[in-house]
C-alpha atoms as a PDB file:
ATOM      1  CA  MET A   1      -4.132  -6.213 -12.419  1.00  0.00           C
ATOM      2  CA  PHE A   2      -3.945  -2.853 -10.697  1.00  0.00           C
ATOM      3  CA  ILE A   3      -1.712  -1.272  -8.067  1.00  0.00           C
ATOM      4  CA  VAL A   4      -2.897   1.158  -5.430  1.00  0.00           C
ATOM      5  CA  ILE A   5       0.080   3.395  -4.665  1.00  0.00           C
ATOM      6  CA  GLY A   6      -0.091   5.189  -1.334  1.00  0.00           C
ATOM      7  CA  GLU A   7       2.068   7.872   0.235  1.00  0.00           C
ATOM      8  CA  GLN A   8       1.590   9.428   3.646  1.00  0.00           C
ATOM      9  CA  ARG A   9       3.448  11.586   6.137  1.00  0.00           C
ATOM     10  CA  ALA A  10       3.963   9.755   9.412  1.00  0.00           C
ATOM     11  CA  ASP A  11       5.701  10.232  12.725  1.00  0.00           C
ATOM     12  CA  VAL A  12       9.213   8.858  12.781  1.00  0.00           C
ATOM     13  CA  ILE A  13       9.053   5.856  15.118  1.00  0.00           C
ATOM     14  CA  GLY A  14      11.309   2.919  15.870  1.00  0.00           C
ATOM     15  CA  PRO A  15      11.507  -0.121  13.604  1.00  0.00           C
ATOM     16  CA  ASP A  16       9.635  -2.379  16.049  1.00  0.00           C
ATOM     17  CA  GLU A  17       6.717   0.046  16.358  1.00  0.00           C
ATOM     18  CA  ARG A  18       6.684   0.559  12.587  1.00  0.00           C
ATOM     19  CA  HIS A  19       6.644  -3.202  12.004  1.00  0.00           C
ATOM     20  CA  VAL A  20       3.587  -3.546  14.263  1.00  0.00           C
ATOM     21  CA  GLN A  21       1.876  -0.672  12.449  1.00  0.00           C
ATOM     22  CA  PHE A  22       2.642  -2.072   8.979  1.00  0.00           C
ATOM     23  CA  SER A  23       1.607  -5.579  10.041  1.00  0.00           C
ATOM     24  CA  HIS A  24      -1.789  -4.245  11.114  1.00  0.00           C
ATOM     25  CA  MET A  25      -2.202  -2.373   7.835  1.00  0.00           C
ATOM     26  CA  ALA A  26      -1.236  -5.511   5.914  1.00  0.00           C
ATOM     27  CA  GLU A  27      -3.721  -7.670   7.805  1.00  0.00           C
ATOM     28  CA  VAL A  28      -6.589  -5.261   7.128  1.00  0.00           C
ATOM     29  CA  THR A  29      -5.672  -4.923   3.454  1.00  0.00           C
ATOM     30  CA  ARG A  30      -5.148  -8.674   3.001  1.00  0.00           C
ATOM     31  CA  GLN A  31      -8.854  -9.168   3.704  1.00  0.00           C
ATOM     32  CA  ALA A  32      -9.912  -6.924   0.809  1.00  0.00           C
ATOM     33  CA  PRO A  33     -11.560  -8.715  -2.123  1.00  0.00           C
ATOM     34  CA  GLY A  34      -9.122  -9.188  -4.988  1.00  0.00           C
ATOM     35  CA  PHE A  35      -5.993  -8.673  -2.882  1.00  0.00           C
ATOM     36  CA  VAL A  36      -2.921 -10.193  -4.575  1.00  0.00           C
ATOM     37  CA  ARG A  37       0.122  -8.772  -2.818  1.00  0.00           C
ATOM     38  CA  GLY A  38       1.320  -5.716  -0.882  1.00  0.00           C
ATOM     39  CA  TRP A  39       4.388  -3.896   0.388  1.00  0.00           C
ATOM     40  CA  TRP A  40       4.676  -1.312   3.183  1.00  0.00           C
ATOM     41  CA  GLY A  41       7.833   0.657   3.881  1.00  0.00           C
ATOM     42  CA  VAL A  42       9.517   3.871   4.956  1.00  0.00           C
ATOM     43  CA  ASP A  43      11.154   6.180   2.432  1.00  0.00           C
ATOM     44  CA  GLN A  44      14.931   5.836   2.688  1.00  0.00           C
ATOM     45  CA  ASP A  45      15.536   9.530   1.927  1.00  0.00           C
ATOM     46  CA  ASP A  46      12.728  10.858   4.132  1.00  0.00           C
ATOM     47  CA  PRO A  47      11.953   8.711   7.214  1.00  0.00           C
ATOM     48  CA  GLY A  48       8.784  10.745   7.816  1.00  0.00           C
ATOM     49  CA  LEU A  49       7.259   9.418   4.591  1.00  0.00           C
ATOM     50  CA  VAL A  50       5.579   6.019   4.250  1.00  0.00           C
ATOM     51  CA  HIS A  51       4.906   4.217   0.947  1.00  0.00           C
ATOM     52  CA  VAL A  52       2.437   1.418   0.240  1.00  0.00           C
ATOM     53  CA  LEU A  53       2.067  -0.651  -2.923  1.00  0.00           C
ATOM     54  CA  THR A  54      -0.940  -2.966  -3.059  1.00  0.00           C
ATOM     55  CA  VAL A  55      -1.733  -5.202  -6.040  1.00  0.00           C
ATOM     56  CA  LEU A  56      -5.364  -6.104  -6.715  1.00  0.00           C
ATOM     57  CA  ASP A  57      -6.874  -8.260  -9.424  1.00  0.00           C
ATOM     58  CA  THR A  58      -9.394  -5.817 -10.960  1.00  0.00           C
ATOM     59  CA  HIS A  59      -9.986  -2.097 -11.336  1.00  0.00           C
ATOM     60  CA  GLU A  60     -13.156  -2.407  -9.263  1.00  0.00           C
ATOM     61  CA  HIS A  61     -11.287  -4.029  -6.367  1.00  0.00           C
ATOM     62  CA  ALA A  62      -8.531  -1.382  -6.557  1.00  0.00           C
ATOM     63  CA  GLU A  63     -11.152   1.385  -6.462  1.00  0.00           C
ATOM     64  CA  ALA A  64     -12.804  -0.275  -3.452  1.00  0.00           C
ATOM     65  CA  VAL A  65      -9.491  -0.372  -1.563  1.00  0.00           C
ATOM     66  CA  ARG A  66      -8.828   3.251  -2.460  1.00  0.00           C
ATOM     67  CA  ARG A  67     -12.268   4.258  -1.145  1.00  0.00           C
ATOM     68  CA  MET A  68     -11.732   2.226   2.051  1.00  0.00           C
ATOM     69  CA  VAL A  69      -8.399   3.933   2.732  1.00  0.00           C
ATOM     70  CA  GLU A  70      -9.733   7.413   1.933  1.00  0.00           C
ATOM     71  CA  GLU A  71     -12.616   6.868   4.376  1.00  0.00           C
ATOM     72  CA  HIS A  72     -10.374   5.743   7.259  1.00  0.00           C
ATOM     73  CA  VAL A  73      -6.974   7.400   6.780  1.00  0.00           C
ATOM     74  CA  THR A  74      -6.299  11.131   6.749  1.00  0.00           C
ATOM     75  CA  GLY A  75      -3.518  12.802   4.811  1.00  0.00           C
ATOM     76  CA  VAL A  76      -2.883   9.936   2.426  1.00  0.00           C
ATOM     77  CA  ARG A  77      -2.165  10.436  -1.271  1.00  0.00           C
ATOM     78  CA  LEU A  78      -3.412   7.543  -3.415  1.00  0.00           C
ATOM     79  CA  ARG A  79      -2.956   6.698  -7.083  1.00  0.00           C
ATOM     80  CA  LEU A  80      -4.190   3.780  -9.185  1.00  0.00           C
ATOM     81  CA  MET A  81      -1.990   2.215 -11.818  1.00  0.00           C
ATOM     82  CA  GLU A  82      -2.910  -0.509 -14.285  1.00  0.00           C
ATOM     83  CA  ILE A  83      -0.127  -3.049 -14.711  1.00  0.00           C
ATOM     84  CA  ASP A  84       0.754  -3.202 -18.416  1.00  0.00           C
ATOM     85  CA  VAL A  85       4.028  -5.113 -18.288  1.00  0.00           C
ATOM     86  CA  GLU A  86       5.415  -7.363 -15.572  1.00  0.00           C
ATOM     87  CA  ALA A  87       9.004  -8.597 -15.361  1.00  0.00           C
ATOM     88  CA  GLU A  88      10.772 -10.998 -13.035  1.00  0.00           C
ATOM     89  CA  ALA A  89      14.444 -11.732 -12.526  1.00  0.00           C
ATOM     90  CA  GLU A  90      15.815 -14.528 -14.631  1.00  0.00           C
ATOM     91  CA  ARG A  91      16.835 -17.552 -12.582  1.00  0.00           C
END
């Protein structure tokens, strides 16, 4: 599996507006082939910075999402990371 890591400067807006914005981004990304899971949030130290983590099943699908974002979003910094080790909390 692969993670697309995104970082972008954004206007500081209220939590309700941000939720609507993130929900739209999630809905678009959810439709991408190979989508597994995603997280969208605001940096706690810099509220003008947004982070996105999106897990996809293959390198090809991660590259396709990266290309899609680069074509439609300006000012975003994207990185791809292959997941080597995964850990969950013990229950």
